[in-house]
N, C-alpha and C. Protein backbone atom coordinates (compact mmCIF):
# COMPACT_ATOMS: atom_id res chain seq x y z
N MET A 1 49.93 -65.48 -19.12
CA MET A 1 49.20 -65.79 -20.02
C MET A 1 49.12 -65.58 -21.95
N LYS A 2 50.01 -63.83 -21.72
CA LYS A 2 49.87 -63.54 -22.32
C LYS A 2 51.27 -64.44 -23.59
N ARG A 3 52.61 -65.11 -23.15
CA ARG A 3 53.39 -65.55 -23.72
C ARG A 3 52.58 -66.42 -24.33
N ILE A 4 51.75 -67.47 -22.93
CA ILE A 4 51.67 -68.73 -23.53
C ILE A 4 50.69 -68.38 -24.77
N LEU A 5 49.94 -67.40 -25.07
CA LEU A 5 49.20 -67.54 -26.23
C LEU A 5 50.12 -66.74 -27.72
N SER A 6 51.26 -66.33 -27.47
CA SER A 6 52.53 -65.39 -28.39
C SER A 6 52.82 -67.40 -28.86
N TRP A 7 53.18 -67.57 -27.82
CA TRP A 7 53.54 -69.56 -28.82
C TRP A 7 52.55 -70.28 -29.08
N VAL A 8 51.37 -70.11 -28.79
CA VAL A 8 50.64 -70.89 -29.92
C VAL A 8 50.12 -69.90 -31.27
N ILE A 9 50.39 -68.98 -31.42
CA ILE A 9 49.95 -68.06 -32.81
C ILE A 9 51.32 -68.06 -33.42
N MET A 10 52.93 -67.99 -32.39
CA MET A 10 54.28 -68.48 -33.72
C MET A 10 53.92 -69.76 -34.19
N ILE A 11 53.58 -70.62 -33.05
CA ILE A 11 54.82 -72.08 -33.54
C ILE A 11 53.50 -72.30 -35.16
N PRO A 12 52.07 -72.53 -34.68
CA PRO A 12 51.71 -72.90 -35.84
C PRO A 12 52.13 -71.74 -37.67
N PHE A 13 52.66 -70.91 -36.95
CA PHE A 13 52.87 -69.83 -38.07
C PHE A 13 54.07 -70.15 -38.79
N ALA A 14 55.09 -70.74 -38.03
CA ALA A 14 56.52 -71.33 -37.86
C ALA A 14 56.34 -72.04 -38.59
N LEU A 15 55.29 -73.17 -38.40
CA LEU A 15 55.47 -75.09 -39.25
C LEU A 15 54.83 -74.46 -40.76
N VAL A 16 53.78 -73.62 -40.68
CA VAL A 16 53.51 -73.11 -41.77
C VAL A 16 54.61 -72.10 -43.12
N VAL A 17 55.44 -71.56 -43.17
CA VAL A 17 56.09 -70.67 -43.17
C VAL A 17 57.00 -71.99 -43.80
N ILE A 18 57.99 -72.83 -43.05
CA ILE A 18 58.34 -74.29 -42.97
C ILE A 18 58.19 -74.88 -43.88
N VAL A 19 56.56 -75.00 -43.75
CA VAL A 19 56.39 -75.97 -45.08
C VAL A 19 55.97 -75.41 -46.32
N PHE A 20 55.39 -74.27 -46.25
CA PHE A 20 55.66 -72.95 -47.29
C PHE A 20 56.84 -73.63 -48.60
N SER A 21 58.22 -72.83 -46.97
CA SER A 21 59.63 -72.92 -48.04
C SER A 21 59.68 -74.08 -48.07
N ALA A 22 59.40 -75.34 -48.00
CA ALA A 22 59.90 -76.49 -48.18
C ALA A 22 59.39 -76.76 -49.39
N VAL A 23 58.00 -76.64 -49.98
CA VAL A 23 57.48 -77.38 -51.24
C VAL A 23 57.99 -76.16 -52.26
N ASN A 24 57.75 -74.48 -51.70
CA ASN A 24 58.25 -73.94 -52.59
C ASN A 24 59.44 -73.38 -53.34
N ARG A 25 59.86 -74.64 -54.21
CA ARG A 25 61.60 -73.89 -53.54
C ARG A 25 61.90 -74.10 -55.56
N ASP A 26 61.02 -74.09 -56.39
CA ASP A 26 61.08 -73.44 -57.75
C ASP A 26 61.70 -72.39 -58.18
N LEU A 27 62.48 -72.35 -58.80
CA LEU A 27 63.69 -70.87 -58.97
C LEU A 27 62.85 -69.90 -60.29
N VAL A 28 62.38 -68.60 -59.55
CA VAL A 28 61.43 -67.71 -60.18
C VAL A 28 62.98 -66.24 -61.24
N SER A 29 62.40 -65.87 -61.98
CA SER A 29 63.43 -65.29 -62.47
C SER A 29 62.51 -63.57 -62.39
N LEU A 30 63.46 -62.74 -61.87
CA LEU A 30 62.78 -61.30 -61.63
C LEU A 30 63.56 -60.29 -62.92
N ASP A 31 62.91 -59.37 -63.21
CA ASP A 31 63.54 -58.65 -64.17
C ASP A 31 63.43 -57.26 -63.61
N LEU A 32 64.30 -56.68 -63.13
CA LEU A 32 64.44 -55.00 -62.35
C LEU A 32 64.22 -54.16 -62.97
N TRP A 33 63.45 -54.22 -63.76
CA TRP A 33 62.14 -53.34 -64.92
C TRP A 33 63.69 -52.42 -65.07
N PRO A 34 63.63 -51.03 -63.88
CA PRO A 34 63.98 -50.10 -64.45
C PRO A 34 65.88 -50.36 -65.04
N PHE A 35 65.96 -51.59 -64.47
CA PHE A 35 67.71 -51.47 -64.62
C PHE A 35 67.73 -52.59 -65.72
N PRO A 36 69.04 -53.00 -66.39
CA PRO A 36 69.23 -53.69 -67.03
C PRO A 36 69.57 -55.33 -66.44
N HIS A 37 68.19 -55.47 -65.74
CA HIS A 37 69.83 -56.64 -64.17
C HIS A 37 68.83 -57.68 -64.27
N GLU A 38 68.65 -59.24 -63.78
CA GLU A 38 67.28 -59.58 -64.16
C GLU A 38 67.98 -61.17 -63.13
N ILE A 39 67.58 -61.31 -61.79
CA ILE A 39 67.72 -62.55 -60.95
C ILE A 39 66.65 -63.73 -60.45
N THR A 40 67.24 -63.97 -60.12
CA THR A 40 66.72 -65.70 -60.13
C THR A 40 66.71 -66.39 -58.76
N VAL A 41 65.54 -66.06 -58.36
CA VAL A 41 65.31 -66.61 -56.30
C VAL A 41 64.30 -67.89 -56.65
N PRO A 42 64.30 -68.59 -55.29
CA PRO A 42 63.62 -69.30 -55.00
C PRO A 42 62.13 -68.57 -55.15
N THR A 43 60.89 -69.48 -54.65
CA THR A 43 60.07 -68.74 -54.95
C THR A 43 59.56 -68.57 -53.77
N PHE A 44 59.75 -69.11 -52.61
CA PHE A 44 59.38 -68.89 -51.06
C PHE A 44 60.20 -67.61 -50.81
N THR A 45 61.60 -67.17 -50.83
CA THR A 45 62.33 -65.86 -51.14
C THR A 45 61.90 -64.97 -51.12
N LEU A 46 61.65 -65.23 -52.83
CA LEU A 46 59.91 -64.09 -53.07
C LEU A 46 58.95 -63.57 -51.87
N VAL A 47 58.50 -64.76 -51.93
CA VAL A 47 56.68 -64.81 -51.59
C VAL A 47 57.18 -63.87 -49.92
N LEU A 48 58.88 -64.37 -49.21
CA LEU A 48 58.49 -64.67 -47.58
C LEU A 48 58.98 -62.68 -48.02
N ALA A 49 60.25 -62.64 -49.33
CA ALA A 49 60.44 -60.99 -48.64
C ALA A 49 59.95 -60.27 -48.32
N VAL A 50 58.37 -60.58 -50.00
CA VAL A 50 56.85 -59.12 -49.84
C VAL A 50 56.22 -59.45 -49.20
N PHE A 51 56.15 -60.57 -48.40
CA PHE A 51 55.52 -61.01 -46.70
C PHE A 51 56.07 -59.91 -46.11
N ILE A 52 57.54 -59.89 -45.50
CA ILE A 52 58.08 -58.88 -44.41
C ILE A 52 58.23 -57.77 -45.15
N PHE A 53 57.97 -57.23 -46.07
CA PHE A 53 58.09 -56.12 -46.81
C PHE A 53 57.16 -55.38 -46.61
N GLY A 54 55.89 -56.01 -46.66
CA GLY A 54 54.31 -55.62 -46.53
C GLY A 54 53.99 -55.36 -44.75
N PHE A 55 55.03 -56.50 -44.05
CA PHE A 55 54.19 -56.50 -42.51
C PHE A 55 55.33 -55.19 -42.19
N LEU A 56 56.64 -54.63 -43.31
CA LEU A 56 57.19 -53.55 -42.14
C LEU A 56 56.58 -52.44 -42.77
N TRP A 57 55.74 -52.04 -43.67
CA TRP A 57 54.97 -51.06 -44.64
C TRP A 57 54.06 -51.01 -43.51
N GLY A 58 53.23 -52.11 -43.67
CA GLY A 58 51.79 -51.74 -42.27
C GLY A 58 52.12 -51.66 -41.25
N GLY A 59 53.47 -51.23 -40.48
CA GLY A 59 53.93 -51.10 -39.01
C GLY A 59 54.59 -49.64 -39.16
N ALA A 60 55.12 -48.91 -40.64
CA ALA A 60 55.14 -48.13 -41.09
C ALA A 60 54.02 -46.99 -41.50
N VAL A 61 53.28 -47.42 -41.16
CA VAL A 61 51.74 -46.75 -42.26
C VAL A 61 50.55 -46.74 -40.34
N ALA A 62 51.25 -48.03 -39.45
CA ALA A 62 50.19 -47.48 -38.53
C ALA A 62 50.96 -47.06 -37.74
N TRP A 63 52.09 -46.55 -37.26
CA TRP A 63 52.65 -45.69 -36.60
C TRP A 63 52.46 -44.18 -37.24
N VAL A 64 52.57 -44.21 -38.24
CA VAL A 64 52.95 -42.60 -38.93
C VAL A 64 51.22 -42.05 -38.82
N SER A 65 50.30 -43.03 -38.49
CA SER A 65 49.12 -42.43 -38.97
C SER A 65 48.38 -42.49 -37.10
N GLY A 66 49.40 -42.96 -36.14
CA GLY A 66 49.48 -42.72 -34.23
C GLY A 66 49.94 -41.74 -34.38
N GLY A 67 50.12 -40.46 -35.04
CA GLY A 67 51.52 -39.63 -34.31
C GLY A 67 50.50 -38.73 -33.95
N ASN A 68 49.19 -38.82 -34.37
CA ASN A 68 48.65 -37.56 -34.09
C ASN A 68 47.63 -37.90 -32.45
N LEU A 69 47.48 -39.13 -32.49
CA LEU A 69 47.13 -39.57 -30.97
C LEU A 69 47.81 -39.48 -30.72
N ARG A 70 48.88 -40.34 -30.57
CA ARG A 70 50.37 -39.66 -29.46
C ARG A 70 50.45 -38.97 -29.21
N ARG A 71 50.20 -37.76 -30.06
CA ARG A 71 50.11 -36.03 -29.78
C ARG A 71 49.10 -35.33 -28.31
N ARG A 72 48.60 -35.91 -28.55
CA ARG A 72 46.90 -36.36 -28.02
C ARG A 72 47.49 -36.51 -26.77
N ALA A 73 47.58 -37.68 -26.33
CA ALA A 73 47.61 -38.18 -25.17
C ALA A 73 48.89 -37.55 -24.33
N ARG A 74 50.50 -36.97 -24.83
CA ARG A 74 51.52 -35.95 -24.25
C ARG A 74 50.69 -35.14 -23.35
N ASN A 75 49.84 -34.15 -24.99
CA ASN A 75 48.92 -33.08 -24.50
C ASN A 75 47.81 -32.72 -23.36
N ALA A 76 47.29 -34.61 -23.58
CA ALA A 76 46.23 -34.80 -22.20
C ALA A 76 47.18 -34.54 -20.91
N GLN A 77 48.52 -35.37 -20.94
CA GLN A 77 49.26 -35.79 -19.68
C GLN A 77 49.71 -34.74 -19.58
N TRP A 78 50.40 -34.04 -20.16
CA TRP A 78 50.78 -32.53 -19.95
C TRP A 78 50.13 -31.55 -18.58
N ARG A 79 48.74 -31.62 -19.42
CA ARG A 79 47.50 -30.91 -18.63
C ARG A 79 47.23 -31.96 -17.86
N ALA A 80 47.04 -32.83 -17.50
CA ALA A 80 46.88 -33.67 -15.97
C ALA A 80 48.10 -33.73 -15.03
N GLU A 81 49.32 -33.53 -15.66
CA GLU A 81 49.97 -32.98 -14.66
C GLU A 81 50.29 -31.80 -13.84
N THR A 82 50.13 -30.98 -14.89
CA THR A 82 50.02 -29.26 -14.17
C THR A 82 48.88 -29.13 -13.62
N ALA A 83 47.58 -29.98 -14.20
CA ALA A 83 46.31 -29.81 -12.85
C ALA A 83 46.63 -30.15 -11.68
N GLU A 84 47.08 -31.37 -11.58
CA GLU A 84 47.41 -32.28 -10.52
C GLU A 84 48.80 -31.39 -9.22
N ARG A 85 49.61 -30.81 -10.00
CA ARG A 85 50.60 -29.59 -9.63
C ARG A 85 49.73 -28.63 -9.12
N GLU A 86 48.40 -27.45 -9.89
CA GLU A 86 47.71 -27.29 -9.12
C GLU A 86 47.52 -27.01 -8.13
N LEU A 87 46.16 -28.18 -8.28
CA LEU A 87 45.96 -28.79 -6.83
C LEU A 87 47.18 -29.03 -5.73
N ARG A 88 47.64 -29.42 -5.76
CA ARG A 88 48.78 -29.33 -4.34
C ARG A 88 49.13 -28.36 -4.05
N SER A 89 49.09 -27.05 -5.33
CA SER A 89 49.47 -25.61 -4.26
C SER A 89 48.15 -25.20 -3.91
N LEU A 90 47.28 -25.68 -4.44
CA LEU A 90 45.72 -25.22 -3.99
C LEU A 90 45.81 -25.73 -2.54
N ASN A 91 46.09 -26.83 -2.33
CA ASN A 91 45.54 -27.43 -1.40
C ASN A 91 46.93 -27.34 0.15
N ASN A 92 47.22 -26.54 -0.06
CA ASN A 92 48.75 -26.30 0.96
C ASN A 92 48.47 -24.74 0.60
N LYS A 93 47.86 -23.91 -0.09
CA LYS A 93 47.15 -22.69 0.32
C LYS A 93 45.92 -22.52 1.23
N LEU A 94 45.22 -24.06 1.71
CA LEU A 94 43.89 -24.04 1.90
C LEU A 94 44.42 -24.36 2.90
N GLN A 95 45.58 -25.31 3.62
CA GLN A 95 45.66 -25.87 4.70
C GLN A 95 46.85 -24.47 5.39
N GLU A 96 47.61 -23.64 5.05
CA GLU A 96 48.01 -22.61 5.03
C GLU A 96 46.90 -21.60 6.06
N ARG A 97 45.95 -21.83 4.84
CA ARG A 97 44.48 -20.13 5.44
C ARG A 97 43.89 -21.23 6.63
N GLU A 98 43.78 -22.26 6.53
CA GLU A 98 42.58 -23.36 8.00
C GLU A 98 43.56 -23.20 9.40
N ARG A 99 45.05 -22.40 9.15
CA ARG A 99 46.02 -22.94 10.70
C ARG A 99 45.71 -21.28 10.85
N GLU A 100 45.50 -20.35 9.40
CA GLU A 100 45.93 -18.96 10.31
C GLU A 100 44.73 -18.85 10.79
N LEU A 101 43.69 -19.12 10.94
CA LEU A 101 41.96 -18.98 11.01
C LEU A 101 41.98 -19.82 11.97
N ASP A 102 42.45 -20.74 12.17
CA ASP A 102 42.68 -21.49 13.87
C ASP A 102 43.53 -20.63 15.04
N ASP A 103 44.53 -20.29 14.50
CA ASP A 103 45.71 -19.42 15.17
C ASP A 103 44.67 -18.53 16.00
N ALA A 104 43.65 -17.41 14.75
CA ALA A 104 43.09 -16.53 15.07
C ALA A 104 42.27 -17.04 16.46
N ARG A 105 40.99 -17.75 15.65
CA ARG A 105 39.77 -18.20 16.49
C ARG A 105 40.94 -19.01 18.34
N SER A 106 42.06 -19.58 18.70
CA SER A 106 41.98 -20.29 20.03
C SER A 106 42.91 -18.47 20.64
N PRO A 107 42.37 -19.13 21.26
CA PRO A 107 42.80 -17.78 22.38
C PRO A 107 43.98 -17.88 22.69
N SER A 108 45.04 -16.65 23.17
CA SER A 108 46.23 -16.66 22.71
C SER A 108 47.23 -16.99 24.20
N ASP A 109 48.04 -16.89 25.29
CA ASP A 109 48.76 -16.78 26.23
C ASP A 109 48.54 -15.61 26.44
N ASP A 110 48.73 -14.12 26.09
CA ASP A 110 48.76 -13.88 25.99
C ASP A 110 47.44 -12.85 26.85
N ASP A 111 45.81 -13.12 25.83
CA ASP A 111 44.72 -12.96 26.15
C ASP A 111 44.55 -13.32 27.42
N THR A 112 44.88 -14.56 28.24
CA THR A 112 44.71 -15.97 29.28
C THR A 112 45.00 -14.70 30.32
N LYS A 113 46.32 -13.93 30.66
CA LYS A 113 46.74 -13.79 31.14
C LYS A 113 46.02 -11.75 31.82
N LYS A 114 45.37 -11.69 30.56
CA LYS A 114 44.50 -10.39 30.61
C LYS A 114 42.71 -10.20 31.72
N LEU A 115 42.51 -11.90 31.46
CA LEU A 115 41.73 -11.86 31.99
C LEU A 115 41.91 -11.77 33.69
N PRO A 116 40.78 -10.87 34.12
CA PRO A 116 40.61 -11.17 35.74
C PRO A 116 40.43 -12.37 36.21
N ALA A 117 41.47 -12.88 37.64
CA ALA A 117 41.10 -14.48 38.22
C ALA A 117 40.17 -13.63 38.88
N THR A 118 39.40 -14.86 38.50
CA THR A 118 37.98 -14.59 39.35
C THR A 118 37.95 -15.74 41.27
N GLN A 119 37.34 -14.84 42.59
CA GLN A 119 37.88 -15.63 43.69
C GLN A 119 36.60 -16.17 43.86
N SER A 120 36.53 -16.93 44.03
CA SER A 120 35.82 -18.06 44.71
C SER A 120 35.66 -17.91 46.11
N GLY A 121 34.62 -17.86 47.19
CA GLY A 121 34.51 -18.02 48.95
C GLY A 121 35.13 -16.94 49.00
N SER A 122 34.70 -16.93 50.18
CA SER A 122 35.26 -14.98 51.26
C SER A 122 35.92 -15.55 52.56
């Protein structure tokens, strides 16, 4: 489903880019202000380059702004793993204590030997 949705979005987008590139083939002169150079490029190249630069810049800004959230998620994961380890350790100790308690409650073989045998009948 996800793959179909990506195709449904990408095919029309690609068609728009192709049509835009075919229609806007006029040349534009760019003056690179601090430098004494001027370049001439097709309009579609300039527009697509600006869109790509904006996309990459937006991705970088989103990644940097998500750093705090990623750090909080790592800390929460570390705390959860620590809590799980502690829970396993406490469960093991509890089972150990329950076994000790059961052993203390159950009569041992020595205790049964010490009990006098009852004789029935005469």
